[in-house]
Amino acid sequence: MKKSMLILGLTSTLLTGCLLTGCGNNSASADDQVVLYTNADDEAVVAMENALDANGYKDKYIVQVFGTSELGGKLLAEGAESEADLITMSSFYVESAEAEHPMFQDLTFDTGALADYPAYYSPITAQEGAIIYNTEAVKENNLPVPTSIKDLADPVYKDMISVTDIQSSSTAWLLIQALISEYGEDGAAEILKGIYQNAGAHIEDSGSGPIKKVRAGEVAIGFGLRHQAVADKAEGLPIDYVDPAEGNFTLTESVAVIDKGDATNPEAIKMAECIVKNARAELLQTYPIALYDGETVEDINKSGNPKTFKEKLTVDLLKKHQAISEASK
């Protein structure tokens, strides 16, 4: 995921230099504008803006983009006192913020989501993890194609793999969830040691870091976002992917409205509905996982081994898994 989780240093830069999309040529006053905080990638932000603009909300909102951890920290610290009226955010952060101090308004429209979600949010994107490899680099280096994440700890892949750091990227959590689910915490820690030793200098802060290195042939194999590898292969790049034996785990990002009581901007929930019902067609082009009734994706975008982590995803669970990862370095 492009917006990494723990880029704590982004605060001042992103807050002051945030995307004030919709600020120019405003026809509505700043007091009337809905403030949307988001950790979304650029493609998702554009899709949401396109949906809002095309449905009568142009110049009626302000978008401010943050790193995931920064926005998560703001939500946990500020609660309903936030400047934001509307957010899109990693779902586990939304749920953790709501548990910390109830701060979201139930969505009053029928979302049509395929799965059950709390009444106060609805998903806008979902992203799965997979093993990604450069077909030419694998052949040139006479490497076996891994079939599991555990395989990445094999010394045969020394200096030939790239992964992300869970301290900075939620993509890494997809890998670590898979390992812990399959091998337990101790088993996962032991495998992570081998993976990190093999990755060496190729432990990336950004979720897109591994696939960039795999594309360039700097490494032969990486763990990254499945939809990126599918897109690369479709474009004819020497990229292929493996749905790991441990499973394709998923993280979602969702939209929610902050409940400020009588001060709640009534336009916020209308915009939330607009995003859910009108941005999905464009979002599906980048994040091809069906989330709502009537959505379809090509079979190539359906992972071969989808799984869900047995525990509820929370910020506390993330911190626990980060500690396991750190101890394995």
C-alpha atoms as a PDB file:
ATOM      1  CA  MET A   1       0.000   0.000   0.000  1.00  0.00           C
ATOM      2  CA  LYS A   2       1.436   3.290  -1.023  1.00  0.00           C
ATOM      3  CA  LYS A   3       0.481   5.154   2.113  1.00  0.00           C
ATOM      4  CA  SER A   4       2.573   3.500   4.715  1.00  0.00           C
ATOM      5  CA  MET A   5       1.419   3.013   8.242  1.00  0.00           C
ATOM      6  CA  LEU A   6       3.983   4.558  10.470  1.00  0.00           C
ATOM      7  CA  ILE A   7       5.464   7.530   8.695  1.00  0.00           C
ATOM      8  CA  LEU A   8       5.370   9.638  11.794  1.00  0.00           C
ATOM      9  CA  GLY A   9       7.520  12.333  10.277  1.00  0.00           C
ATOM     10  CA  LEU A  10       4.924  13.262   7.743  1.00  0.00           C
ATOM     11  CA  THR A  11       2.887  15.348  10.131  1.00  0.00           C
ATOM     12  CA  SER A  12       3.886  18.895   9.427  1.00  0.00           C
ATOM     13  CA  THR A  13       4.699  18.395   5.771  1.00  0.00           C
ATOM     14  CA  LEU A  14       1.522  16.627   4.867  1.00  0.00           C
ATOM     15  CA  LEU A  15      -0.701  18.668   7.115  1.00  0.00           C
ATOM     16  CA  THR A  16       0.482  21.976   5.779  1.00  0.00           C
ATOM     17  CA  GLY A  17       1.132  20.760   2.274  1.00  0.00           C
ATOM     18  CA  CYS A  18      -1.882  18.502   2.122  1.00  0.00           C
ATOM     19  CA  LEU A  19      -3.929  18.223  -0.946  1.00  0.00           C
ATOM     20  CA  LEU A  20      -6.429  20.969  -0.650  1.00  0.00           C
ATOM     21  CA  THR A  21      -8.372  19.617  -3.516  1.00  0.00           C
ATOM     22  CA  GLY A  22     -11.499  21.621  -3.944  1.00  0.00           C
ATOM     23  CA  CYS A  23      -9.980  24.684  -2.267  1.00  0.00           C
ATOM     24  CA  GLY A  24      -9.500  26.611  -5.459  1.00  0.00           C
ATOM     25  CA  ASN A  25     -12.375  28.587  -6.874  1.00  0.00           C
ATOM     26  CA  ASN A  26     -14.571  27.627  -3.981  1.00  0.00           C
ATOM     27  CA  SER A  27     -18.197  28.458  -4.412  1.00  0.00           C
ATOM     28  CA  ALA A  28     -19.030  27.339  -0.874  1.00  0.00           C
ATOM     29  CA  SER A  29     -17.592  28.936   2.237  1.00  0.00           C
ATOM     30  CA  ALA A  30     -14.932  27.093   4.198  1.00  0.00           C
ATOM     31  CA  ASP A  31     -17.405  26.652   7.061  1.00  0.00           C
ATOM     32  CA  ASP A  32     -19.789  24.816   4.770  1.00  0.00           C
ATOM     33  CA  GLN A  33     -17.221  22.579   3.128  1.00  0.00           C
ATOM     34  CA  VAL A  34     -16.937  18.997   4.235  1.00  0.00           C
ATOM     35  CA  VAL A  35     -13.412  18.202   5.420  1.00  0.00           C
ATOM     36  CA  LEU A  36     -12.343  14.742   4.271  1.00  0.00           C
ATOM     37  CA  TYR A  37      -9.309  13.158   5.900  1.00  0.00           C
ATOM     38  CA  THR A  38      -7.889  10.148   4.075  1.00  0.00           C
ATOM     39  CA  ASN A  39      -4.879   7.844   3.974  1.00  0.00           C
ATOM     40  CA  ALA A  40      -5.792   6.640   0.484  1.00  0.00           C
ATOM     41  CA  ASP A  41      -3.396   6.209  -2.403  1.00  0.00           C
ATOM     42  CA  ASP A  42      -3.451   8.822  -5.136  1.00  0.00           C
ATOM     43  CA  GLU A  43      -5.574   6.643  -7.420  1.00  0.00           C
ATOM     44  CA  ALA A  44      -8.243   6.248  -4.764  1.00  0.00           C
ATOM     45  CA  VAL A  45      -8.271   9.949  -3.941  1.00  0.00           C
ATOM     46  CA  VAL A  46      -8.804  10.781  -7.611  1.00  0.00           C
ATOM     47  CA  ALA A  47     -11.621   8.247  -7.885  1.00  0.00           C
ATOM     48  CA  MET A  48     -13.388   9.736  -4.870  1.00  0.00           C
ATOM     49  CA  GLU A  49     -12.957  13.271  -6.174  1.00  0.00           C
ATOM     50  CA  ASN A  50     -14.279  12.280  -9.575  1.00  0.00           C
ATOM     51  CA  ALA A  51     -17.354  10.731  -7.994  1.00  0.00           C
ATOM     52  CA  LEU A  52     -18.020  13.747  -5.782  1.00  0.00           C
ATOM     53  CA  ASP A  53     -17.437  16.294  -8.548  1.00  0.00           C
ATOM     54  CA  ALA A  54     -19.678  14.456 -10.988  1.00  0.00           C
ATOM     55  CA  ASN A  55     -22.501  14.286  -8.490  1.00  0.00           C
ATOM     56  CA  GLY A  56     -22.835  17.913  -7.477  1.00  0.00           C
ATOM     57  CA  TYR A  57     -20.207  18.246  -4.758  1.00  0.00           C
ATOM     58  CA  LYS A  58     -17.470  20.082  -6.655  1.00  0.00           C
ATOM     59  CA  ASP A  59     -15.959  22.819  -4.438  1.00  0.00           C
ATOM     60  CA  LYS A  60     -18.028  21.606  -1.504  1.00  0.00           C
ATOM     61  CA  TYR A  61     -15.294  19.571   0.156  1.00  0.00           C
ATOM     62  CA  ILE A  62     -11.631  19.688   1.136  1.00  0.00           C
ATOM     63  CA  VAL A  63      -9.406  16.616   0.979  1.00  0.00           C
ATOM     64  CA  GLN A  64      -6.439  16.271   3.321  1.00  0.00           C
ATOM     65  CA  VAL A  65      -4.143  13.273   2.793  1.00  0.00           C
ATOM     66  CA  PHE A  66      -2.130  11.749   5.639  1.00  0.00           C
ATOM     67  CA  GLY A  67       0.061   8.738   6.201  1.00  0.00           C
ATOM     68  CA  THR A  68      -1.868   5.898   7.796  1.00  0.00           C
ATOM     69  CA  SER A  69      -0.239   6.050  11.198  1.00  0.00           C
ATOM     70  CA  GLU A  70      -0.498   9.814  11.314  1.00  0.00           C
ATOM     71  CA  LEU A  71      -4.190   9.789  10.537  1.00  0.00           C
ATOM     72  CA  GLY A  72      -4.722   6.876  12.879  1.00  0.00           C
ATOM     73  CA  GLY A  73      -3.021   8.781  15.645  1.00  0.00           C
ATOM     74  CA  LYS A  74      -5.153  11.847  15.000  1.00  0.00           C
ATOM     75  CA  LEU A  75      -8.346   9.817  15.129  1.00  0.00           C
ATOM     76  CA  LEU A  76      -7.349   8.110  18.356  1.00  0.00           C
ATOM     77  CA  ALA A  77      -6.276  11.390  19.944  1.00  0.00           C
ATOM     78  CA  GLU A  78      -8.951  13.768  18.686  1.00  0.00           C
ATOM     79  CA  GLY A  79     -12.064  11.625  18.459  1.00  0.00           C
ATOM     80  CA  ALA A  80     -15.146  13.625  17.511  1.00  0.00           C
ATOM     81  CA  GLU A  81     -13.197  16.842  18.131  1.00  0.00           C
ATOM     82  CA  SER A  82     -11.457  16.282  14.817  1.00  0.00           C
ATOM     83  CA  GLU A  83     -11.626  18.970  12.176  1.00  0.00           C
ATOM     84  CA  ALA A  84     -12.640  16.246   9.733  1.00  0.00           C
ATOM     85  CA  ASP A  85     -16.285  15.590   8.935  1.00  0.00           C
ATOM     86  CA  LEU A  86     -15.628  12.542   6.811  1.00  0.00           C
ATOM     87  CA  ILE A  87     -12.766  10.056   6.669  1.00  0.00           C
ATOM     88  CA  THR A  88     -11.529   7.180   4.587  1.00  0.00           C
ATOM     89  CA  MET A  89      -9.092   5.065   6.532  1.00  0.00           C
ATOM     90  CA  SER A  90      -7.788   1.550   7.159  1.00  0.00           C
ATOM     91  CA  SER A  91     -10.744  -0.273   8.631  1.00  0.00           C
ATOM     92  CA  PHE A  92      -8.873  -1.591  11.667  1.00  0.00           C
ATOM     93  CA  TYR A  93      -7.969   1.965  12.610  1.00  0.00           C
ATOM     94  CA  VAL A  94     -11.621   3.048  12.231  1.00  0.00           C
ATOM     95  CA  GLU A  95     -12.723   0.257  14.543  1.00  0.00           C
ATOM     96  CA  SER A  96      -9.953   0.970  17.064  1.00  0.00           C
ATOM     97  CA  ALA A  97     -10.826   4.681  17.112  1.00  0.00           C
ATOM     98  CA  GLU A  98     -14.497   3.869  17.644  1.00  0.00           C
ATOM     99  CA  ALA A  99     -13.574   1.542  20.505  1.00  0.00           C
ATOM    100  CA  GLU A 100     -11.362   4.222  22.058  1.00  0.00           C
ATOM    101  CA  HIS A 101     -14.153   6.786  22.142  1.00  0.00           C
ATOM    102  CA  PRO A 102     -17.308   6.347  20.055  1.00  0.00           C
ATOM    103  CA  MET A 103     -16.961   8.985  17.361  1.00  0.00           C
ATOM    104  CA  PHE A 104     -18.693   7.827  14.196  1.00  0.00           C
ATOM    105  CA  GLN A 105     -22.245   8.202  12.987  1.00  0.00           C
ATOM    106  CA  ASP A 106     -24.071   5.147  11.729  1.00  0.00           C
ATOM    107  CA  LEU A 107     -24.466   5.204   7.978  1.00  0.00           C
ATOM    108  CA  THR A 108     -28.125   5.715   7.177  1.00  0.00           C
ATOM    109  CA  PHE A 109     -28.063   4.448   3.615  1.00  0.00           C
ATOM    110  CA  ASP A 110     -28.155   0.897   2.325  1.00  0.00           C
ATOM    111  CA  THR A 111     -24.563   0.151   1.354  1.00  0.00           C
ATOM    112  CA  GLY A 112     -25.172  -3.167  -0.381  1.00  0.00           C
ATOM    113  CA  ALA A 113     -21.871  -4.534   0.914  1.00  0.00           C
ATOM    114  CA  LEU A 114     -21.241  -8.218   0.290  1.00  0.00           C
ATOM    115  CA  ALA A 115     -19.862  -8.799   3.794  1.00  0.00           C
ATOM    116  CA  ASP A 116     -21.061  -7.604   7.169  1.00  0.00           C
ATOM    117  CA  TYR A 117     -19.428  -4.458   8.531  1.00  0.00           C
ATOM    118  CA  PRO A 118     -20.167  -2.259  11.543  1.00  0.00           C
ATOM    119  CA  ALA A 119     -22.976   0.214  10.883  1.00  0.00           C
ATOM    120  CA  TYR A 120     -20.598   3.165  11.122  1.00  0.00           C
ATOM    121  CA  TYR A 121     -18.383   2.376   8.130  1.00  0.00           C
ATOM    122  CA  SER A 122     -18.418   0.837   4.703  1.00  0.00           C
ATOM    123  CA  PRO A 123     -15.385  -0.340   2.699  1.00  0.00           C
ATOM    124  CA  ILE A 124     -14.068   1.504  -0.334  1.00  0.00           C
ATOM    125  CA  THR A 125     -11.063  -0.673  -1.231  1.00  0.00           C
ATOM    126  CA  ALA A 126      -9.563  -4.057  -0.395  1.00  0.00           C
ATOM    127  CA  GLN A 127      -6.013  -5.215  -1.022  1.00  0.00           C
ATOM    128  CA  GLU A 128      -4.491  -8.698  -0.880  1.00  0.00           C
ATOM    129  CA  GLY A 129      -0.934  -9.892  -0.481  1.00  0.00           C
ATOM    130  CA  ALA A 130       0.923 -12.333  -2.749  1.00  0.00           C
ATOM    131  CA  ILE A 131       4.402 -13.507  -3.703  1.00  0.00           C
ATOM    132  CA  ILE A 132       5.642 -11.630  -6.759  1.00  0.00           C
ATOM    133  CA  TYR A 133       8.551 -12.625  -8.965  1.00  0.00           C
ATOM    134  CA  ASN A 134      10.480 -11.553 -12.030  1.00  0.00           C
ATOM    135  CA  THR A 135      10.352 -14.473 -14.426  1.00  0.00           C
ATOM    136  CA  GLU A 136      13.606 -13.500 -16.146  1.00  0.00           C
ATOM    137  CA  ALA A 137      15.535 -12.937 -12.904  1.00  0.00           C
ATOM    138  CA  VAL A 138      14.333 -16.233 -11.461  1.00  0.00           C
ATOM    139  CA  LYS A 139      15.502 -18.032 -14.595  1.00  0.00           C
ATOM    140  CA  GLU A 140      18.841 -16.202 -14.796  1.00  0.00           C
ATOM    141  CA  ASN A 141      19.626 -17.013 -11.176  1.00  0.00           C
ATOM    142  CA  ASN A 142      18.346 -20.580 -11.422  1.00  0.00           C
ATOM    143  CA  LEU A 143      15.988 -20.037  -8.513  1.00  0.00           C
ATOM    144  CA  PRO A 144      13.000 -22.227  -7.687  1.00  0.00           C
ATOM    145  CA  VAL A 145       9.674 -20.407  -7.719  1.00  0.00           C
ATOM    146  CA  PRO A 146       8.484 -20.272  -4.078  1.00  0.00           C
ATOM    147  CA  THR A 147       5.061 -21.652  -3.322  1.00  0.00           C
ATOM    148  CA  SER A 148       4.832 -20.382   0.231  1.00  0.00           C
ATOM    149  CA  ILE A 149       5.962 -17.418   2.290  1.00  0.00           C
ATOM    150  CA  LYS A 150       7.949 -19.861   4.404  1.00  0.00           C
ATOM    151  CA  ASP A 151       9.992 -20.708   1.312  1.00  0.00           C
ATOM    152  CA  LEU A 152      11.321 -17.136   1.295  1.00  0.00           C
ATOM    153  CA  ALA A 153      13.396 -18.015   4.371  1.00  0.00           C
ATOM    154  CA  ASP A 154      15.340 -20.621   2.386  1.00  0.00           C
ATOM    155  CA  PRO A 155      19.018 -19.548   2.107  1.00  0.00           C
ATOM    156  CA  VAL A 156      18.801 -20.178  -1.629  1.00  0.00           C
ATOM    157  CA  TYR A 157      17.125 -16.757  -1.835  1.00  0.00           C
ATOM    158  CA  LYS A 158      19.919 -14.882  -0.026  1.00  0.00           C
ATOM    159  CA  ASP A 159      19.954 -11.267  -1.296  1.00  0.00           C
ATOM    160  CA  MET A 160      17.315 -12.142  -3.890  1.00  0.00           C
ATOM    161  CA  ILE A 161      14.087 -11.128  -2.144  1.00  0.00           C
ATOM    162  CA  SER A 162      12.428  -7.913  -1.031  1.00  0.00           C
ATOM    163  CA  VAL A 163       9.752  -7.464   1.613  1.00  0.00           C
ATOM    164  CA  THR A 164       8.259  -4.534   3.488  1.00  0.00           C
ATOM    165  CA  ASP A 165       8.715  -3.516   7.097  1.00  0.00           C
ATOM    166  CA  ILE A 166       5.592  -3.713   9.254  1.00  0.00           C
ATOM    167  CA  GLN A 167       6.893  -0.666  11.109  1.00  0.00           C
ATOM    168  CA  SER A 168       6.171   1.376   8.013  1.00  0.00           C
ATOM    169  CA  SER A 169       3.874  -0.572   5.698  1.00  0.00           C
ATOM    170  CA  SER A 170       0.590  -2.370   6.087  1.00  0.00           C
ATOM    171  CA  THR A 171       1.581  -4.646   3.190  1.00  0.00           C
ATOM    172  CA  ALA A 172       3.966  -6.339   5.607  1.00  0.00           C
ATOM    173  CA  TRP A 173       1.044  -7.101   7.905  1.00  0.00           C
ATOM    174  CA  LEU A 174      -0.478  -9.219   5.146  1.00  0.00           C
ATOM    175  CA  LEU A 175       2.682 -11.358   5.180  1.00  0.00           C
ATOM    176  CA  ILE A 176       2.930 -11.562   8.959  1.00  0.00           C
ATOM    177  CA  GLN A 177      -0.754 -12.381   9.414  1.00  0.00           C
ATOM    178  CA  ALA A 178      -0.280 -15.276   6.997  1.00  0.00           C
ATOM    179  CA  LEU A 179       2.757 -16.601   8.850  1.00  0.00           C
ATOM    180  CA  ILE A 180       1.221 -16.346  12.316  1.00  0.00           C
ATOM    181  CA  SER A 181      -2.033 -17.869  11.127  1.00  0.00           C
ATOM    182  CA  GLU A 182      -0.214 -20.884   9.694  1.00  0.00           C
ATOM    183  CA  TYR A 183       2.742 -21.388  12.043  1.00  0.00           C
ATOM    184  CA  GLY A 184       1.861 -19.550  15.259  1.00  0.00           C
ATOM    185  CA  GLU A 185       3.791 -16.634  16.718  1.00  0.00           C
ATOM    186  CA  ASP A 186       6.970 -18.581  17.514  1.00  0.00           C
ATOM    187  CA  GLY A 187       7.018 -20.288  14.135  1.00  0.00           C
ATOM    188  CA  ALA A 188       6.376 -17.011  12.355  1.00  0.00           C
ATOM    189  CA  ALA A 189       9.194 -15.320  14.261  1.00  0.00           C
ATOM    190  CA  GLU A 190      11.660 -18.016  13.236  1.00  0.00           C
ATOM    191  CA  ILE A 191      10.620 -17.793   9.584  1.00  0.00           C
ATOM    192  CA  LEU A 192      10.810 -14.006   9.661  1.00  0.00           C
ATOM    193  CA  LYS A 193      14.429 -14.218  10.807  1.00  0.00           C
ATOM    194  CA  GLY A 194      15.302 -16.169   7.679  1.00  0.00           C
ATOM    195  CA  ILE A 195      13.291 -13.860   5.448  1.00  0.00           C
ATOM    196  CA  TYR A 196      14.913 -10.733   6.849  1.00  0.00           C
ATOM    197  CA  GLN A 197      18.365 -12.290   6.530  1.00  0.00           C
ATOM    198  CA  ASN A 198      17.655 -13.084   2.889  1.00  0.00           C
ATOM    199  CA  ALA A 199      16.211  -9.641   2.197  1.00  0.00           C
ATOM    200  CA  GLY A 200      19.161  -7.821   3.753  1.00  0.00           C
ATOM    201  CA  ALA A 201      19.078  -4.258   2.436  1.00  0.00           C
ATOM    202  CA  HIS A 202      15.848  -4.914   0.540  1.00  0.00           C
ATOM    203  CA  ILE A 203      13.450  -4.436   3.464  1.00  0.00           C
ATOM    204  CA  GLU A 204      11.318  -1.571   2.166  1.00  0.00           C
ATOM    205  CA  ASP A 205       9.322   1.135   3.909  1.00  0.00           C
ATOM    206  CA  SER A 206       6.716   1.368   1.157  1.00  0.00           C
ATOM    207  CA  GLY A 207       4.337  -1.374   0.133  1.00  0.00           C
ATOM    208  CA  SER A 208       5.197  -0.755  -3.497  1.00  0.00           C
ATOM    209  CA  GLY A 209       8.927  -1.025  -2.773  1.00  0.00           C
ATOM    210  CA  PRO A 210       9.264  -4.780  -3.380  1.00  0.00           C
ATOM    211  CA  ILE A 211       7.445  -4.804  -6.708  1.00  0.00           C
ATOM    212  CA  LYS A 212       9.532  -1.880  -7.944  1.00  0.00           C
ATOM    213  CA  LYS A 213      12.691  -3.826  -7.161  1.00  0.00           C
ATOM    214  CA  VAL A 214      11.264  -6.978  -8.752  1.00  0.00           C
ATOM    215  CA  ARG A 215      10.310  -5.033 -11.885  1.00  0.00           C
ATOM    216  CA  ALA A 216      13.816  -3.592 -12.116  1.00  0.00           C
ATOM    217  CA  GLY A 217      15.391  -7.005 -11.567  1.00  0.00           C
ATOM    218  CA  GLU A 218      17.242  -5.756  -8.469  1.00  0.00           C
ATOM    219  CA  VAL A 219      15.782  -8.774  -6.733  1.00  0.00           C
ATOM    220  CA  ALA A 220      14.068 -11.804  -8.199  1.00  0.00           C
ATOM    221  CA  ILE A 221      11.217 -12.187  -5.730  1.00  0.00           C
ATOM    222  CA  GLY A 222       9.152 -10.027  -3.423  1.00  0.00           C
ATOM    223  CA  PHE A 223       6.050  -9.971  -1.294  1.00  0.00           C
ATOM    224  CA  GLY A 224       3.605  -7.279  -2.306  1.00  0.00           C
ATOM    225  CA  LEU A 225       0.104  -6.412  -3.398  1.00  0.00           C
ATOM    226  CA  ARG A 226      -1.458  -8.988  -5.652  1.00  0.00           C
ATOM    227  CA  HIS A 227      -3.350  -6.574  -7.883  1.00  0.00           C
ATOM    228  CA  GLN A 228      -0.125  -4.765  -8.811  1.00  0.00           C
ATOM    229  CA  ALA A 229       1.475  -7.995 -10.018  1.00  0.00           C
ATOM    230  CA  VAL A 230      -1.656  -8.958 -11.946  1.00  0.00           C
ATOM    231  CA  ALA A 231      -1.594  -5.581 -13.691  1.00  0.00           C
ATOM    232  CA  ASP A 232       2.116  -5.854 -14.499  1.00  0.00           C
ATOM    233  CA  LYS A 233       1.692  -9.306 -15.991  1.00  0.00           C
ATOM    234  CA  ALA A 234      -1.259  -8.126 -18.068  1.00  0.00           C
ATOM    235  CA  GLU A 235       0.899  -5.326 -19.447  1.00  0.00           C
ATOM    236  CA  GLY A 236       3.453  -7.850 -20.640  1.00  0.00           C
ATOM    237  CA  LEU A 237       6.122  -7.223 -18.022  1.00  0.00           C
ATOM    238  CA  PRO A 238       8.188 -10.266 -16.937  1.00  0.00           C
ATOM    239  CA  ILE A 239       6.225 -10.428 -13.709  1.00  0.00           C
ATOM    240  CA  ASP A 240       4.275 -13.327 -12.291  1.00  0.00           C
ATOM    241  CA  TYR A 241       2.809 -14.113  -8.892  1.00  0.00           C
ATOM    242  CA  VAL A 242       2.004 -16.934  -6.514  1.00  0.00           C
ATOM    243  CA  ASP A 243      -0.911 -17.162  -4.116  1.00  0.00           C
ATOM    244  CA  PRO A 244       1.034 -18.408  -1.088  1.00  0.00           C
ATOM    245  CA  ALA A 245       0.172 -21.661   0.637  1.00  0.00           C
ATOM    246  CA  GLU A 246      -0.378 -19.721   3.872  1.00  0.00           C
ATOM    247  CA  GLY A 247      -3.140 -17.710   2.215  1.00  0.00           C
ATOM    248  CA  ASN A 248      -3.956 -14.358   0.635  1.00  0.00           C
ATOM    249  CA  PHE A 249      -4.866 -12.076   3.533  1.00  0.00           C
ATOM    250  CA  THR A 250      -6.750  -8.818   3.005  1.00  0.00           C
ATOM    251  CA  LEU A 251      -6.877  -5.324   4.454  1.00  0.00           C
ATOM    252  CA  THR A 252      -9.688  -2.914   3.667  1.00  0.00           C
ATOM    253  CA  GLU A 253     -10.017   0.851   3.780  1.00  0.00           C
ATOM    254  CA  SER A 254     -13.397   2.347   4.610  1.00  0.00           C
ATOM    255  CA  VAL A 255     -15.423   5.549   4.691  1.00  0.00           C
ATOM    256  CA  ALA A 256     -16.964   6.857   7.925  1.00  0.00           C
ATOM    257  CA  VAL A 257     -18.694  10.029   9.118  1.00  0.00           C
ATOM    258  CA  ILE A 258     -17.605  11.732  12.334  1.00  0.00           C
ATOM    259  CA  ASP A 259     -20.507  12.298  14.707  1.00  0.00           C
ATOM    260  CA  LYS A 260     -20.300  15.838  16.085  1.00  0.00           C
ATOM    261  CA  GLY A 261     -23.812  15.934  17.401  1.00  0.00           C
ATOM    262  CA  ASP A 262     -25.645  19.077  16.351  1.00  0.00           C
ATOM    263  CA  ALA A 263     -22.452  20.289  14.672  1.00  0.00           C
ATOM    264  CA  THR A 264     -22.308  17.317  12.310  1.00  0.00           C
ATOM    265  CA  ASN A 265     -22.145  18.517   8.733  1.00  0.00           C
ATOM    266  CA  PRO A 266     -25.255  17.020   7.081  1.00  0.00           C
ATOM    267  CA  GLU A 267     -23.457  16.900   3.748  1.00  0.00           C
ATOM    268  CA  ALA A 268     -20.861  14.471   5.093  1.00  0.00           C
ATOM    269  CA  ILE A 269     -23.102  11.416   5.075  1.00  0.00           C
ATOM    270  CA  LYS A 270     -24.393  12.347   1.626  1.00  0.00           C
ATOM    271  CA  MET A 271     -20.821  12.426   0.377  1.00  0.00           C
ATOM    272  CA  ALA A 272     -20.094   9.104   2.079  1.00  0.00           C
ATOM    273  CA  GLU A 273     -23.007   7.598   0.191  1.00  0.00           C
ATOM    274  CA  CYS A 274     -21.798   9.203  -3.006  1.00  0.00           C
ATOM    275  CA  ILE A 275     -18.336   7.683  -2.583  1.00  0.00           C
ATOM    276  CA  VAL A 276     -19.720   4.222  -1.822  1.00  0.00           C
ATOM    277  CA  LYS A 277     -22.174   4.250  -4.713  1.00  0.00           C
ATOM    278  CA  ASN A 278     -20.334   6.261  -7.362  1.00  0.00           C
ATOM    279  CA  ALA A 279     -16.588   5.863  -6.847  1.00  0.00           C
ATOM    280  CA  ARG A 280     -16.480   2.092  -6.816  1.00  0.00           C
ATOM    281  CA  ALA A 281     -16.465   1.641 -10.599  1.00  0.00           C
ATOM    282  CA  GLU A 282     -13.235   3.629 -10.869  1.00  0.00           C
ATOM    283  CA  LEU A 283     -11.792   2.165  -7.672  1.00  0.00           C
ATOM    284  CA  LEU A 284     -12.318  -1.333  -9.045  1.00  0.00           C
ATOM    285  CA  GLN A 285      -9.989  -0.531 -11.913  1.00  0.00           C
ATOM    286  CA  THR A 286      -7.098  -0.181  -9.459  1.00  0.00           C
ATOM    287  CA  TYR A 287      -8.305  -2.396  -6.606  1.00  0.00           C
ATOM    288  CA  PRO A 288     -10.130  -5.244  -8.371  1.00  0.00           C
ATOM    289  CA  ILE A 289     -11.782  -6.975  -5.439  1.00  0.00           C
ATOM    290  CA  ALA A 290     -15.587  -7.040  -5.385  1.00  0.00           C
ATOM    291  CA  LEU A 291     -17.060  -5.520  -2.219  1.00  0.00           C
ATOM    292  CA  TYR A 292     -20.652  -4.708  -3.165  1.00  0.00           C
ATOM    293  CA  ASP A 293     -23.673  -6.360  -4.695  1.00  0.00           C
ATOM    294  CA  GLY A 294     -23.485  -6.347  -8.473  1.00  0.00           C
ATOM    295  CA  GLU A 295     -19.715  -5.923  -8.694  1.00  0.00           C
ATOM    296  CA  THR A 296     -17.761  -8.403 -10.765  1.00  0.00           C
ATOM    297  CA  VAL A 297     -14.058  -8.853 -11.411  1.00  0.00           C
ATOM    298  CA  GLU A 298     -12.151 -11.007 -13.843  1.00  0.00           C
ATOM    299  CA  ASP A 299     -11.132 -14.440 -12.608  1.00  0.00           C
ATOM    300  CA  ILE A 300      -7.476 -13.400 -12.785  1.00  0.00           C
ATOM    301  CA  ASN A 301      -8.161 -10.935  -9.971  1.00  0.00           C
ATOM    302  CA  LYS A 302      -9.655 -13.592  -7.719  1.00  0.00           C
ATOM    303  CA  SER A 303      -6.923 -14.899  -5.456  1.00  0.00           C
ATOM    304  CA  GLY A 304      -6.431 -18.611  -5.137  1.00  0.00           C
ATOM    305  CA  ASN A 305      -6.249 -18.877  -1.370  1.00  0.00           C
ATOM    306  CA  PRO A 306      -8.193 -16.053   0.334  1.00  0.00           C
ATOM    307  CA  LYS A 307      -8.087 -16.146   4.126  1.00  0.00           C
ATOM    308  CA  THR A 308      -9.111 -14.002   7.073  1.00  0.00           C
ATOM    309  CA  PHE A 309      -7.043 -13.628  10.219  1.00  0.00           C
ATOM    310  CA  LYS A 310      -8.728 -15.390  13.114  1.00  0.00           C
ATOM    311  CA  GLU A 311      -8.409 -12.424  15.485  1.00  0.00           C
ATOM    312  CA  LYS A 312     -10.058  -9.062  15.033  1.00  0.00           C
ATOM    313  CA  LEU A 313      -7.616  -6.632  13.449  1.00  0.00           C
ATOM    314  CA  THR A 314      -6.884  -3.768  15.823  1.00  0.00           C
ATOM    315  CA  VAL A 315      -4.142  -1.268  16.467  1.00  0.00           C
ATOM    316  CA  ASP A 316      -3.145  -3.278  19.554  1.00  0.00           C
ATOM    317  CA  LEU A 317      -2.814  -6.457  17.469  1.00  0.00           C
ATOM    318  CA  LEU A 318      -0.735  -4.532  14.955  1.00  0.00           C
ATOM    319  CA  LYS A 319       1.610  -3.396  17.719  1.00  0.00           C
ATOM    320  CA  LYS A 320       1.936  -6.981  18.938  1.00  0.00           C
ATOM    321  CA  HIS A 321       2.873  -8.186  15.463  1.00  0.00           C
ATOM    322  CA  GLN A 322       5.282  -5.287  15.031  1.00  0.00           C
ATOM    323  CA  ALA A 323       7.069  -6.425  18.185  1.00  0.00           C
ATOM    324  CA  ILE A 324       7.369  -9.962  16.811  1.00  0.00           C
ATOM    325  CA  SER A 325       8.823  -8.560  13.623  1.00  0.00           C
ATOM    326  CA  GLU A 326      11.315  -6.336  15.413  1.00  0.00           C
ATOM    327  CA  ALA A 327      12.530  -9.243  17.544  1.00  0.00           C
ATOM    328  CA  SER A 328      13.187 -11.228  14.351  1.00  0.00           C
ATOM    329  CA  LYS A 329      15.520  -8.663  12.808  1.00  0.00           C
END
